[in-house]
Amino acid sequence: MSSAPESPVARLRLRGPAIIGALVAIVCGILAIWFRGHDGPTGPTTASAADGSASQSGEVLPIVDGWPAPAFVLAITGQQHGYIEPCGCSPKQSGGLARRADLFRQLREEKKWSVLGLETGGSLDEMRVTRPQSELKFAMILDALNGMGYRSLGLGTEELKIGAFKLFDIHSNRRVEKDFDVPFVAANVVLLGSPTLETPTRHRVLEINGHKVGVTSIYGSNYRSKLSTLPEDEIQILPPLEVLPETLAAMKKEGAEYFVLMSYSDVEESRQLAKKFPEFQLVVSAEGADDPGDEHEFIGQTLFFVSAMKGKYVNVVGVYPGEKPAVRFERIELDQDRFGRSPFVRQLMADYQLALKEAWLDPDSPLRSGAFPHPSGRQFAGVQSCKSCHASAYEVWEGSNHAHATASLLEGRPEEKGTWIDRTYDPECICCHATGWDAQDATPYADGFMDAKSTPHLVGNQCENCHGPASTHVNLETAWKKSGGPRGEALLKAREELHITPAGAEKSCLKCHDFANSPNFKFEDYWPQIEHPTPSAEKSP
C-alpha cells in the first residue's frame, strides 16, 4: 500500500478548484510476460465453469487448480468503468477492488507466487469522467492498484477524457510520492505536444523473479473519434504501426526478454497488431463482453484475449519459461464464495466515502453543483403530503423496502453490522435510495434530497420518484378542498400528470433496478409486492 506523505482522506478532500491535488496519476503498461516455446492453441487452460466460480453441480471451484508453480504470474484487468465494488442491492454480484485484492493475496501468500498487476485502462465511467466524484474515485482506484502491486495503467478513452493538463498534474503529483509506482504507459499518446513530458511513459522494463518484462500500451487509431470533444493540440494519437517498432527496440536494448502489449482499441485492430508484431508474447485488447467466459486465442505464438469489463474478472496468466506450454491462462470471476474483502481496500473505501461526505456537506462544494430543475418544472412535496389522501398507498409504501432505502445505505445488511461503510453521501448510491434524483445520471434535482438534516421530507425512495414531483397537485387539491368549489381544469390536469400505467411503472423501476444493479430483477415478479391501486373510497370525486 502506498505510503504517501499525506493521509488518503487529506488527499481525497474536495474543495473547489483545488481538486487537482486530490487526484492521482493514471498509469499504464507494465510488466506482463509471456514465454516462447508454446506449441500453439493446444496448451491447457484452467478457466472455471460458465459462471466463473461453480461447476455444473454447484461446487465452488478452486482457482488455478492443478497449476504447477509458475516463474511468475501476470494479473491483468481493464475497462473497470467506475465499478469499484458490487452494488449492495444484490449480494451475489461479482467484482470489486476489495475482492480483487484478496485474489492477489491468495496468489502471493497461499500459493507463494510472484504476481504483477497490469491495468489496460478505462478506469472510470466515460460519461462521468469530468465530475468531481470521478476525480475522487480515480484517486482511490490508483491507491488500490498500487497497494495490490500493479505497476502500469494504460490510457483508455476514460483516462484521456480527464484532459491533458489534469493527467499531467495527476501523474506529476503521484510519481513523487514514496512507494507509489503506477505510472501511465502509452507508446503513441503525446500530451500537450511534448513527447518529452514523461507523461505518459512510453514503456517499462521490469524485473520479476529474475526475468525482465517489457510492457507498453497503445491507444487505438480507430478510437480517435471518441476524443473528438478534446482539443487536438492537447492530446495527439500517433499511429501504432509507427511507434511500436522503436518501442520494441528500446525495450530490447534495456534487456527485456518478454514483451506485452496492452491495446486500448477494438478487437480487430488489436488482432492486427498481434499479427504485425509477433515479438509480443501477450496482447490484451479492450472491448469484448462483460462476461467473456473463457474466450482467448493464440495468434501464432501470441496469447490474445480481451480484458473483460466492470471489474468482475481478473485474467491470470502463469508464465513457465522454457517449458511447453509456456503459459497457462484462467479468467477468474471475483465471486463472494471464493474471495473476501481486503482490509486495506475497505479502508480506502472508508476514506473515499468520508471524502464524499465532507465535500457534500460543504454547500460550496462542486460536488453539489450539478443539481438541476426537474424537467416538469414542478417541485417535490414529500411522502407526507400524499398520506392524507392516499392512505392505502402510503401503507404499502411504509411497509416496503423503499421506505427504508436511505437507512439501508447507513446501516447495511444485518450480516454486515459493525463492518458496513456508510454510503449515504455517495451520489452513485443515494440516487436510488432517496427522493428527487435522476437515478441513471446520479444527479440531484434542484429541490431533491440533499441530506437527512436539510431535506428530511425526502428520505427514502418515495412516491414521487415514479409519479413525478407532486407540488402542483398537492397545492391545487388543498386549495380545492378549502374552497368547496368545482374542480378546475388545472386540478384535473395535475392529477393526470401523476397517473402512471403499469408500463410506465416498469420503466421507472428499471432506472434503478437495471442489469448492473439488479441482474435478477423481473418486473412481473416484484411489482405485486408494491402494487397499490386506489380503493374506491379514496378516489376523488
Protein backbone atom coordinates (compact mmCIF):
# COMPACT_ATOMS: atom_id res chain seq x y z
CA MET A 1 0.00 0.00 0.00
CA SER A 2 1.29 3.44 -0.88
CA SER A 3 2.77 5.39 1.97
CA ALA A 4 2.11 8.88 0.71
CA PRO A 5 3.20 11.74 2.95
CA GLU A 6 -0.42 12.77 3.42
CA SER A 7 -3.35 10.69 4.56
CA PRO A 8 -5.79 9.30 1.99
CA VAL A 9 -8.56 11.45 3.46
CA ALA A 10 -6.47 14.59 3.13
CA ARG A 11 -5.57 13.79 -0.45
CA LEU A 12 -9.16 12.94 -1.33
CA ARG A 13 -10.67 16.12 0.10
CA LEU A 14 -12.58 18.09 -2.46
CA ARG A 15 -12.58 21.84 -2.17
CA GLY A 16 -13.49 23.67 -5.34
CA PRO A 17 -10.73 24.25 -7.90
CA ALA A 18 -8.13 22.80 -5.54
CA ILE A 19 -9.38 19.38 -6.58
CA ILE A 20 -6.36 18.51 -8.69
CA GLY A 21 -4.23 17.82 -5.68
CA ALA A 22 -6.70 15.14 -4.68
CA LEU A 23 -6.32 13.20 -7.85
CA VAL A 24 -3.80 10.61 -8.73
CA ALA A 25 -1.91 9.79 -11.73
CA ILE A 26 -3.12 7.34 -14.12
CA VAL A 27 -0.75 4.78 -15.19
CA CYS A 28 -0.22 2.29 -17.84
CA GLY A 29 1.52 -0.61 -19.28
CA ILE A 30 3.88 -2.66 -17.09
CA LEU A 31 5.15 -6.00 -16.95
CA ALA A 32 3.34 -8.87 -18.27
CA ILE A 33 5.02 -11.79 -19.59
CA TRP A 34 4.63 -14.48 -21.97
CA PHE A 35 7.08 -17.07 -22.98
CA ARG A 36 8.12 -18.50 -26.27
CA GLY A 37 8.15 -22.25 -26.67
CA HIS A 38 4.38 -22.62 -26.75
CA ASP A 39 3.22 -25.03 -29.45
CA GLY A 40 0.00 -23.15 -30.20
CA PRO A 41 -3.56 -23.20 -29.02
CA THR A 42 -3.43 -26.79 -27.77
CA GLY A 43 -1.87 -25.84 -24.45
CA PRO A 44 -4.09 -26.26 -21.39
CA THR A 45 -6.15 -23.53 -19.79
CA THR A 46 -7.89 -23.69 -16.46
CA ALA A 47 -10.86 -21.41 -16.84
CA SER A 48 -13.72 -22.06 -14.46
CA ALA A 49 -17.24 -23.06 -15.39
CA ALA A 50 -19.67 -20.77 -17.15
CA ASP A 51 -20.48 -18.72 -14.06
CA GLY A 52 -16.79 -18.39 -13.22
CA SER A 53 -16.99 -19.94 -9.78
CA ALA A 54 -19.08 -23.09 -9.71
CA SER A 55 -19.27 -26.34 -11.58
CA GLN A 56 -22.46 -27.79 -13.02
CA SER A 57 -23.14 -29.39 -9.63
CA GLY A 58 -22.83 -26.07 -7.82
CA GLU A 59 -19.48 -26.97 -6.28
CA VAL A 60 -17.20 -23.99 -5.67
CA LEU A 61 -14.15 -24.41 -7.88
CA PRO A 62 -10.62 -23.70 -6.65
CA ILE A 63 -8.64 -21.10 -8.54
CA VAL A 64 -5.74 -22.06 -10.85
CA ASP A 65 -6.44 -25.67 -9.99
CA GLY A 66 -3.65 -28.05 -10.93
CA TRP A 67 -1.17 -25.37 -11.94
CA PRO A 68 2.46 -26.03 -11.08
CA ALA A 69 4.25 -23.03 -9.61
CA PRO A 70 4.98 -20.55 -12.43
CA ALA A 71 8.05 -18.36 -12.69
CA PHE A 72 5.65 -15.50 -12.16
CA VAL A 73 2.04 -14.51 -12.65
CA LEU A 74 0.52 -11.60 -14.53
CA ALA A 75 -2.84 -10.46 -13.19
CA ILE A 76 -4.48 -8.38 -15.90
CA THR A 77 -7.60 -6.23 -15.71
CA GLY A 78 -9.15 -3.32 -17.57
CA GLN A 79 -12.27 -1.41 -18.55
CA GLN A 80 -13.39 -1.03 -14.95
CA HIS A 81 -15.73 1.79 -16.00
CA GLY A 82 -16.05 3.09 -12.45
CA TYR A 83 -17.28 -0.14 -10.83
CA ILE A 84 -15.17 -0.18 -7.68
CA GLU A 85 -17.48 -2.56 -5.80
CA PRO A 86 -20.62 -4.61 -6.46
CA CYS A 87 -23.88 -2.81 -5.75
CA GLY A 88 -25.02 -3.92 -2.31
CA CYS A 89 -28.58 -4.36 -3.57
CA SER A 90 -27.68 -7.77 -4.98
CA PRO A 91 -25.30 -9.58 -2.63
CA LYS A 92 -24.34 -12.29 -5.12
CA GLN A 93 -22.89 -9.89 -7.68
CA SER A 94 -19.27 -10.41 -8.64
CA GLY A 95 -16.40 -7.96 -8.76
CA GLY A 96 -14.95 -5.17 -6.67
CA LEU A 97 -11.48 -3.96 -5.79
CA ALA A 98 -11.65 -5.49 -2.30
CA ARG A 99 -12.19 -9.00 -3.68
CA ARG A 100 -9.56 -8.43 -6.34
CA ALA A 101 -7.05 -7.59 -3.63
CA ASP A 102 -7.96 -10.82 -1.85
CA LEU A 103 -7.23 -12.78 -5.04
CA PHE A 104 -3.78 -11.15 -5.17
CA ARG A 105 -3.30 -12.09 -1.50
CA GLN A 106 -4.24 -15.70 -2.13
CA LEU A 107 -1.82 -15.99 -5.03
CA ARG A 108 1.02 -14.38 -3.08
CA GLU A 109 0.51 -15.65 0.46
CA GLU A 110 -1.18 -19.00 -0.05
CA LYS A 111 0.38 -20.02 -3.37
CA LYS A 112 3.68 -18.23 -2.67
CA TRP A 113 3.77 -16.97 -6.26
CA SER A 114 5.25 -13.74 -7.64
CA VAL A 115 2.42 -11.59 -9.01
CA LEU A 116 2.40 -8.43 -11.09
CA GLY A 117 -0.73 -6.44 -11.83
CA LEU A 118 -1.37 -4.84 -15.23
CA GLU A 119 -4.26 -2.50 -16.00
CA THR A 120 -5.20 -1.79 -19.61
CA GLY A 121 -7.12 1.44 -18.82
CA GLY A 122 -10.75 2.52 -18.81
CA SER A 123 -10.89 3.08 -15.06
CA LEU A 124 -13.87 5.45 -14.93
CA ASP A 125 -17.37 5.85 -16.30
CA GLU A 126 -16.83 7.61 -19.63
CA MET A 127 -19.98 9.73 -19.21
CA ARG A 128 -18.94 10.98 -15.75
CA VAL A 129 -15.18 11.40 -16.18
CA THR A 130 -15.10 15.15 -15.54
CA ARG A 131 -17.30 15.09 -12.44
CA PRO A 132 -15.79 15.84 -9.03
CA GLN A 133 -16.81 12.41 -7.73
CA SER A 134 -14.86 10.72 -10.54
CA GLU A 135 -11.75 12.63 -9.54
CA LEU A 136 -12.07 11.33 -6.00
CA LYS A 137 -12.82 7.84 -7.26
CA PHE A 138 -9.79 7.84 -9.55
CA ALA A 139 -7.57 8.74 -6.61
CA MET A 140 -8.97 5.81 -4.65
CA ILE A 141 -8.55 3.42 -7.60
CA LEU A 142 -4.91 4.36 -8.04
CA ASP A 143 -4.21 3.80 -4.35
CA ALA A 144 -5.86 0.38 -4.58
CA LEU A 145 -3.92 -0.62 -7.69
CA ASN A 146 -0.66 0.50 -6.14
CA GLY A 147 -1.34 -1.42 -2.95
CA MET A 148 -2.15 -4.59 -4.90
CA GLY A 149 1.11 -4.44 -6.80
CA TYR A 150 0.03 -3.07 -10.15
CA ARG A 151 2.88 -1.43 -11.96
CA SER A 152 1.15 0.01 -15.00
CA LEU A 153 -2.04 1.68 -16.10
CA GLY A 154 -2.79 2.12 -19.77
CA LEU A 155 -4.52 5.22 -21.06
CA GLY A 156 -8.01 4.42 -22.25
CA THR A 157 -10.72 6.73 -23.51
CA GLU A 158 -11.87 7.38 -19.96
CA GLU A 159 -8.45 8.47 -18.71
CA LEU A 160 -7.76 10.64 -21.76
CA LYS A 161 -11.11 12.42 -21.34
CA ILE A 162 -9.85 13.69 -18.00
CA GLY A 163 -7.84 16.09 -20.16
CA ALA A 164 -4.15 16.56 -20.87
CA PHE A 165 -3.48 19.18 -18.20
CA LYS A 166 -5.14 17.23 -15.41
CA LEU A 167 -3.49 13.99 -16.48
CA PHE A 168 -0.13 15.68 -16.35
CA ASP A 169 -0.86 17.16 -12.92
CA ILE A 170 -2.07 13.82 -11.56
CA HIS A 171 0.96 11.96 -12.85
CA SER A 172 3.38 14.61 -11.64
CA ASN A 173 1.87 14.70 -8.15
CA ARG A 174 1.68 10.96 -7.64
CA ARG A 175 5.02 9.95 -9.06
CA VAL A 176 6.87 11.86 -6.33
CA GLU A 177 5.04 10.03 -3.56
CA LYS A 178 7.07 7.49 -1.66
CA ASP A 179 6.29 3.89 -2.66
CA PHE A 180 3.86 4.87 -5.41
CA ASP A 181 4.74 3.14 -8.68
CA VAL A 182 1.84 3.03 -11.11
CA PRO A 183 2.93 5.30 -13.99
CA PHE A 184 0.97 5.99 -17.15
CA VAL A 185 2.27 3.92 -20.07
CA ALA A 186 1.31 4.66 -23.66
CA ALA A 187 3.66 4.46 -26.63
CA ASN A 188 1.54 6.52 -29.03
CA VAL A 189 -0.06 9.19 -26.82
CA VAL A 190 1.52 12.64 -26.72
CA LEU A 191 0.19 15.22 -24.27
CA LEU A 192 0.45 18.95 -24.86
CA GLY A 193 2.58 18.45 -27.96
CA SER A 194 5.60 17.35 -25.93
CA PRO A 195 6.88 13.75 -26.23
CA THR A 196 9.47 14.52 -23.53
CA LEU A 197 6.95 15.20 -20.75
CA GLU A 198 7.30 11.63 -19.41
CA THR A 199 3.54 11.65 -19.10
CA PRO A 200 2.83 9.09 -20.30
CA THR A 201 5.84 6.80 -20.12
CA ARG A 202 6.39 5.05 -23.47
CA HIS A 203 7.21 1.66 -21.97
CA ARG A 204 8.56 -0.07 -18.89
CA VAL A 205 11.05 -2.88 -18.44
CA LEU A 206 10.52 -4.52 -15.08
CA GLU A 207 12.23 -7.37 -13.34
CA ILE A 208 10.29 -10.09 -11.58
CA ASN A 209 11.74 -13.24 -10.13
CA GLY A 210 14.86 -12.89 -12.28
CA HIS A 211 13.05 -12.19 -15.55
CA LYS A 212 12.82 -8.88 -17.39
CA VAL A 213 9.47 -7.99 -18.87
CA GLY A 214 8.88 -5.20 -21.34
CA VAL A 215 5.44 -3.66 -21.28
CA THR A 216 3.90 -1.00 -23.45
CA SER A 217 0.45 0.24 -24.35
CA ILE A 218 -1.24 1.92 -27.29
CA TYR A 219 -4.46 3.84 -27.78
CA GLY A 220 -6.20 2.61 -30.93
CA SER A 221 -6.24 4.57 -34.15
CA ASN A 222 -9.86 3.50 -34.58
CA TYR A 223 -10.75 5.14 -31.26
CA ARG A 224 -9.53 8.67 -32.07
CA SER A 225 -13.08 9.83 -32.79
CA LYS A 226 -14.02 9.06 -29.17
CA LEU A 227 -11.84 12.02 -28.17
CA SER A 228 -13.49 14.49 -30.56
CA THR A 229 -14.52 16.81 -27.72
CA LEU A 230 -10.89 17.34 -26.69
CA PRO A 231 -8.59 19.91 -28.35
CA GLU A 232 -6.37 18.12 -30.87
CA ASP A 233 -3.33 20.13 -29.80
CA GLU A 234 -3.64 18.79 -26.24
CA ILE A 235 -3.79 15.07 -26.99
CA GLN A 236 -2.11 13.59 -30.05
CA ILE A 237 -2.55 9.93 -31.04
CA LEU A 238 0.31 8.63 -33.17
CA PRO A 239 -0.15 5.63 -35.49
CA PRO A 240 0.65 2.45 -33.51
CA LEU A 241 2.34 0.91 -36.54
CA GLU A 242 4.86 3.76 -36.50
CA VAL A 243 5.73 3.82 -32.79
CA LEU A 244 5.80 0.12 -31.88
CA PRO A 245 8.99 -0.82 -33.80
CA GLU A 246 11.06 1.78 -31.94
CA THR A 247 9.33 0.90 -28.65
CA LEU A 248 10.22 -2.77 -29.07
CA ALA A 249 13.79 -1.83 -29.93
CA ALA A 250 14.06 0.32 -26.80
CA MET A 251 12.75 -2.47 -24.56
CA LYS A 252 15.17 -4.97 -26.12
CA LYS A 253 18.02 -2.55 -25.53
CA GLU A 254 17.06 -2.46 -21.84
CA GLY A 255 17.31 -6.23 -21.65
CA ALA A 256 13.65 -7.25 -21.83
CA GLU A 257 13.11 -10.94 -22.53
CA TYR A 258 9.32 -10.98 -22.71
CA PHE A 259 7.05 -8.44 -24.29
CA VAL A 260 3.48 -7.43 -23.50
CA LEU A 261 1.21 -5.08 -25.44
CA MET A 262 -1.87 -3.55 -23.84
CA SER A 263 -4.07 -2.37 -26.72
CA TYR A 264 -6.88 0.00 -25.82
CA SER A 265 -8.60 -0.43 -29.14
CA ASP A 266 -11.21 -2.54 -30.86
CA VAL A 267 -10.56 -6.26 -31.11
CA GLU A 268 -9.82 -6.23 -34.83
CA GLU A 269 -7.09 -3.57 -34.61
CA SER A 270 -5.60 -5.35 -31.60
CA ARG A 271 -5.53 -8.64 -33.52
CA GLN A 272 -3.79 -6.99 -36.45
CA LEU A 273 -1.13 -5.60 -34.12
CA ALA A 274 -0.58 -9.07 -32.67
CA LYS A 275 -0.03 -10.41 -36.20
CA LYS A 276 2.19 -7.50 -37.26
CA PHE A 277 4.41 -7.67 -34.16
CA PRO A 278 4.88 -11.33 -33.21
CA GLU A 279 7.59 -10.28 -30.75
CA PHE A 280 4.79 -9.66 -28.25
CA GLN A 281 4.08 -12.90 -26.43
CA LEU A 282 0.92 -11.38 -24.94
CA VAL A 283 -1.56 -8.89 -26.40
CA VAL A 284 -4.55 -7.73 -24.35
CA SER A 285 -7.36 -5.80 -26.03
CA ALA A 286 -10.19 -3.57 -24.91
CA GLU A 287 -13.80 -4.16 -25.95
CA GLY A 288 -15.34 -7.59 -25.56
CA ALA A 289 -18.23 -8.71 -23.39
CA ASP A 290 -18.97 -8.04 -19.71
CA ASP A 291 -18.85 -11.79 -19.15
CA PRO A 292 -16.50 -13.23 -21.80
CA GLY A 293 -16.29 -16.69 -20.29
CA ASP A 294 -13.02 -18.40 -21.19
CA GLU A 295 -12.60 -16.62 -24.52
CA HIS A 296 -8.97 -16.36 -25.61
CA GLU A 297 -6.93 -17.40 -28.61
CA PHE A 298 -3.43 -17.82 -29.91
CA ILE A 299 -2.27 -15.76 -32.86
CA GLY A 300 0.82 -17.68 -33.82
CA GLN A 301 2.73 -17.89 -30.55
CA THR A 302 0.95 -14.86 -29.06
CA LEU A 303 -1.74 -15.24 -26.42
CA PHE A 304 -4.60 -12.86 -27.19
CA PHE A 305 -7.66 -12.01 -25.10
CA VAL A 306 -9.89 -9.11 -24.07
CA SER A 307 -9.61 -7.69 -20.58
CA ALA A 308 -13.33 -8.12 -19.63
CA MET A 309 -15.29 -5.22 -18.12
CA LYS A 310 -16.56 -3.65 -14.90
CA GLY A 311 -14.02 -5.28 -12.61
CA LYS A 312 -15.84 -8.62 -12.43
CA TYR A 313 -12.90 -10.74 -13.55
CA VAL A 314 -9.13 -10.95 -13.33
CA ASN A 315 -7.20 -12.52 -16.20
CA VAL A 316 -4.45 -14.62 -14.64
CA VAL A 317 -1.50 -15.70 -16.79
CA GLY A 318 1.09 -18.08 -15.37
CA VAL A 319 4.47 -17.97 -17.14
CA TYR A 320 6.73 -21.04 -17.42
CA PRO A 321 9.94 -20.12 -19.27
CA GLY A 322 11.45 -22.94 -21.26
CA GLU A 323 8.51 -25.28 -20.76
CA LYS A 324 5.73 -26.46 -23.04
CA PRO A 325 3.22 -24.99 -22.67
CA ALA A 326 5.00 -21.83 -21.67
CA VAL A 327 1.87 -20.22 -20.26
CA ARG A 328 -1.38 -21.07 -18.53
CA PHE A 329 -4.45 -18.87 -18.55
CA GLU A 330 -7.52 -18.54 -16.34
CA ARG A 331 -10.15 -15.81 -16.24
CA ILE A 332 -11.21 -15.73 -12.59
CA GLU A 333 -14.59 -14.38 -11.53
CA LEU A 334 -14.46 -12.37 -8.32
CA ASP A 335 -17.39 -14.02 -6.57
CA GLN A 336 -18.35 -13.86 -2.90
CA ASP A 337 -17.81 -17.58 -2.35
CA ARG A 338 -14.08 -17.61 -3.01
CA PHE A 339 -12.97 -14.08 -2.15
CA GLY A 340 -13.27 -11.93 0.92
CA ARG A 341 -12.88 -8.18 1.15
CA SER A 342 -9.37 -6.94 1.68
CA PRO A 343 -8.99 -4.80 4.82
CA PHE A 344 -6.68 -2.33 3.10
CA VAL A 345 -9.13 -1.74 0.24
CA ARG A 346 -12.01 -1.43 2.70
CA GLN A 347 -10.03 1.30 4.45
CA LEU A 348 -9.56 3.07 1.12
CA MET A 349 -13.31 2.79 0.58
CA ALA A 350 -13.97 4.27 4.02
CA ASP A 351 -11.61 7.17 3.23
CA TYR A 352 -13.32 7.70 -0.12
CA GLN A 353 -16.78 7.78 1.44
CA LEU A 354 -15.57 10.17 4.14
CA ALA A 355 -14.17 12.49 1.47
CA LEU A 356 -17.50 12.41 -0.35
CA LYS A 357 -19.32 13.24 2.87
CA GLU A 358 -17.06 16.16 3.71
CA ALA A 359 -17.40 17.51 0.19
CA TRP A 360 -21.17 17.03 0.06
CA LEU A 361 -21.78 18.81 3.36
CA ASP A 362 -19.85 21.83 2.11
CA PRO A 363 -22.56 23.98 0.46
CA ASP A 364 -19.95 25.47 -1.90
CA SER A 365 -18.58 22.12 -3.00
CA PRO A 366 -18.55 21.45 -6.75
CA LEU A 367 -19.88 18.00 -5.90
CA ARG A 368 -23.32 19.61 -5.43
CA SER A 369 -23.11 21.93 -8.41
CA GLY A 370 -24.75 19.52 -10.85
CA ALA A 371 -28.27 19.87 -9.42
CA PHE A 372 -30.82 20.99 -11.99
CA PRO A 373 -34.60 21.67 -12.06
CA HIS A 374 -36.91 18.76 -12.77
CA PRO A 375 -37.99 18.70 -16.44
CA SER A 376 -41.64 19.02 -15.39
CA GLY A 377 -40.99 22.35 -13.72
CA ARG A 378 -42.68 21.05 -10.59
CA GLN A 379 -41.16 20.57 -7.15
CA PHE A 380 -41.05 17.64 -4.76
CA ALA A 381 -43.56 17.69 -1.91
CA GLY A 382 -42.54 14.60 0.07
CA VAL A 383 -44.47 11.49 1.00
CA GLN A 384 -46.23 13.04 3.99
CA SER A 385 -48.10 15.26 1.55
CA CYS A 386 -49.50 12.14 -0.10
CA LYS A 387 -50.52 10.34 3.08
CA SER A 388 -53.78 12.09 3.95
CA CYS A 389 -55.47 11.40 0.61
CA HIS A 390 -53.71 8.16 -0.36
CA ALA A 391 -53.69 6.28 2.93
CA SER A 392 -53.71 2.78 1.46
CA ALA A 393 -50.86 3.53 -0.96
CA TYR A 394 -48.91 5.12 1.88
CA GLU A 395 -49.40 1.99 3.98
CA VAL A 396 -48.00 -0.20 1.19
CA TRP A 397 -45.02 2.13 0.78
CA GLU A 398 -44.35 2.36 4.52
CA GLY A 399 -44.11 -1.42 4.75
CA SER A 400 -41.78 -1.73 1.78
CA ASN A 401 -38.01 -1.65 1.48
CA HIS A 402 -38.40 1.57 -0.49
CA ALA A 403 -39.32 3.40 2.71
CA HIS A 404 -36.05 2.30 4.30
CA ALA A 405 -33.84 2.83 1.25
CA THR A 406 -31.87 5.72 2.73
CA ALA A 407 -31.40 3.95 6.05
CA SER A 408 -30.02 0.91 4.23
CA LEU A 409 -27.08 2.98 2.99
CA LEU A 410 -26.31 3.98 6.55
CA GLU A 411 -26.81 0.59 8.19
CA GLY A 412 -26.09 -2.02 5.50
CA ARG A 413 -27.35 -5.58 5.71
CA PRO A 414 -27.73 -7.32 9.10
CA GLU A 415 -24.79 -9.61 8.36
CA GLU A 416 -22.59 -6.55 7.79
CA LYS A 417 -23.28 -4.97 11.15
CA GLY A 418 -20.09 -3.49 12.56
CA THR A 419 -18.23 -3.57 9.26
CA TRP A 420 -20.53 -1.58 6.99
CA ILE A 421 -19.23 1.67 5.46
CA ASP A 422 -21.81 4.48 5.26
CA ARG A 423 -22.64 5.38 1.65
CA THR A 424 -25.29 8.00 2.36
CA TYR A 425 -23.22 10.74 0.72
CA ASP A 426 -22.21 8.78 -2.36
CA PRO A 427 -24.18 10.24 -5.31
CA GLU A 428 -23.94 6.95 -7.19
CA CYS A 429 -25.71 5.22 -4.30
CA ILE A 430 -28.09 7.80 -2.88
CA CYS A 431 -29.54 8.47 -6.35
CA CYS A 432 -31.63 5.29 -5.94
CA HIS A 433 -32.02 5.44 -2.18
CA ALA A 434 -33.68 8.83 -1.68
CA THR A 435 -36.19 11.04 -3.48
CA GLY A 436 -35.56 13.68 -6.11
CA TRP A 437 -32.62 12.37 -8.13
CA ASP A 438 -32.05 11.39 -11.73
CA ALA A 439 -31.18 7.78 -10.97
CA GLN A 440 -29.45 6.97 -14.24
CA ASP A 441 -27.36 10.14 -14.21
CA ALA A 442 -26.67 10.07 -10.45
CA THR A 443 -27.50 13.77 -10.26
CA PRO A 444 -29.92 15.51 -7.86
CA TYR A 445 -32.75 17.71 -8.97
CA ALA A 446 -32.54 21.22 -7.58
CA ASP A 447 -35.06 20.59 -4.81
CA GLY A 448 -34.31 16.88 -4.39
CA PHE A 449 -32.81 15.11 -1.39
CA MET A 450 -29.54 16.60 -0.16
CA ASP A 451 -29.12 15.13 3.30
CA ALA A 452 -31.30 13.93 6.15
CA LYS A 453 -30.94 17.19 8.06
CA SER A 454 -31.79 19.71 5.33
CA THR A 455 -34.30 17.61 3.36
CA PRO A 456 -35.82 15.11 5.83
CA HIS A 457 -39.11 15.04 3.90
CA LEU A 458 -37.37 13.27 1.01
CA VAL A 459 -35.73 10.42 2.93
CA GLY A 460 -36.38 7.03 1.35
CA ASN A 461 -37.42 6.09 -2.17
CA GLN A 462 -40.84 7.74 -2.21
CA CYS A 463 -43.92 8.06 -4.42
CA GLU A 464 -42.60 10.98 -6.47
CA ASN A 465 -39.65 9.03 -7.85
CA CYS A 466 -42.16 7.16 -10.01
CA HIS A 467 -45.14 9.51 -10.21
CA GLY A 468 -43.15 12.73 -10.55
CA PRO A 469 -42.95 15.86 -8.37
CA ALA A 470 -46.34 16.49 -6.77
CA SER A 471 -46.15 20.08 -5.53
CA THR A 472 -48.63 21.44 -8.07
CA HIS A 473 -51.04 18.56 -7.44
CA VAL A 474 -50.86 19.00 -3.66
CA ASN A 475 -51.36 22.77 -3.79
CA LEU A 476 -54.33 22.56 -6.14
CA GLU A 477 -56.02 19.76 -4.20
CA THR A 478 -55.53 21.61 -0.91
CA ALA A 479 -56.99 24.82 -2.32
CA TRP A 480 -59.93 22.96 -3.87
CA LYS A 481 -60.83 21.25 -0.59
CA LYS A 482 -60.75 24.56 1.25
CA SER A 483 -62.85 26.38 -1.33
CA GLY A 484 -65.50 23.69 -1.78
CA GLY A 485 -65.95 24.90 -5.34
CA PRO A 486 -65.91 22.95 -8.60
CA ARG A 487 -62.82 21.14 -9.80
CA GLY A 488 -60.88 23.25 -12.24
CA GLU A 489 -59.14 22.13 -15.41
CA ALA A 490 -55.73 22.73 -13.83
CA LEU A 491 -56.56 20.38 -10.96
CA LEU A 492 -57.65 17.59 -13.30
CA LYS A 493 -54.54 18.09 -15.42
CA ALA A 494 -52.31 17.88 -12.34
CA ARG A 495 -53.95 14.59 -11.35
CA GLU A 496 -53.41 13.16 -14.81
CA GLU A 497 -49.76 14.20 -14.83
CA LEU A 498 -49.09 11.97 -11.82
CA HIS A 499 -51.00 8.97 -13.13
CA ILE A 500 -48.74 6.10 -14.14
CA THR A 501 -49.54 2.97 -16.14
CA PRO A 502 -48.01 -0.46 -15.46
CA ALA A 503 -45.72 0.09 -18.44
CA GLY A 504 -44.67 3.43 -17.01
CA ALA A 505 -44.13 1.84 -13.62
CA GLU A 506 -41.83 -0.77 -15.13
CA LYS A 507 -39.83 1.93 -16.88
CA SER A 508 -39.44 3.77 -13.57
CA CYS A 509 -38.34 0.61 -11.77
CA LEU A 510 -35.66 -0.10 -14.34
CA LYS A 511 -33.99 3.24 -13.72
CA CYS A 512 -32.61 1.74 -10.52
CA HIS A 513 -33.23 -1.97 -10.94
CA ASP A 514 -31.19 -2.18 -14.14
CA PHE A 515 -28.97 -5.12 -15.01
CA ALA A 516 -25.89 -3.56 -13.40
CA ASN A 517 -27.59 -3.17 -10.00
CA SER A 518 -30.31 -5.83 -10.00
CA PRO A 519 -29.38 -8.55 -12.51
CA ASN A 520 -32.21 -10.83 -11.34
CA PHE A 521 -34.94 -8.20 -11.35
CA LYS A 522 -38.16 -9.10 -13.14
CA PHE A 523 -40.93 -6.52 -13.01
CA GLU A 524 -43.72 -9.09 -13.09
CA ASP A 525 -42.28 -10.81 -10.00
CA TYR A 526 -41.63 -7.71 -7.89
CA TRP A 527 -44.50 -5.42 -8.87
CA PRO A 528 -47.11 -7.33 -6.81
CA GLN A 529 -45.05 -6.57 -3.69
CA ILE A 530 -45.62 -2.83 -4.03
CA GLU A 531 -48.75 -2.63 -6.17
CA HIS A 532 -51.10 -0.04 -4.68
CA PRO A 533 -54.35 0.53 -6.60
CA THR A 534 -56.51 3.29 -5.19
CA PRO A 535 -59.56 1.93 -3.31
CA SER A 536 -62.92 3.31 -4.38
CA ALA A 537 -63.34 5.05 -1.03
CA GLU A 538 -60.17 7.09 -1.65
CA LYS A 539 -60.94 8.12 -5.21
CA SER A 540 -61.64 11.82 -5.57
CA PRO A 541 -64.98 12.87 -6.98
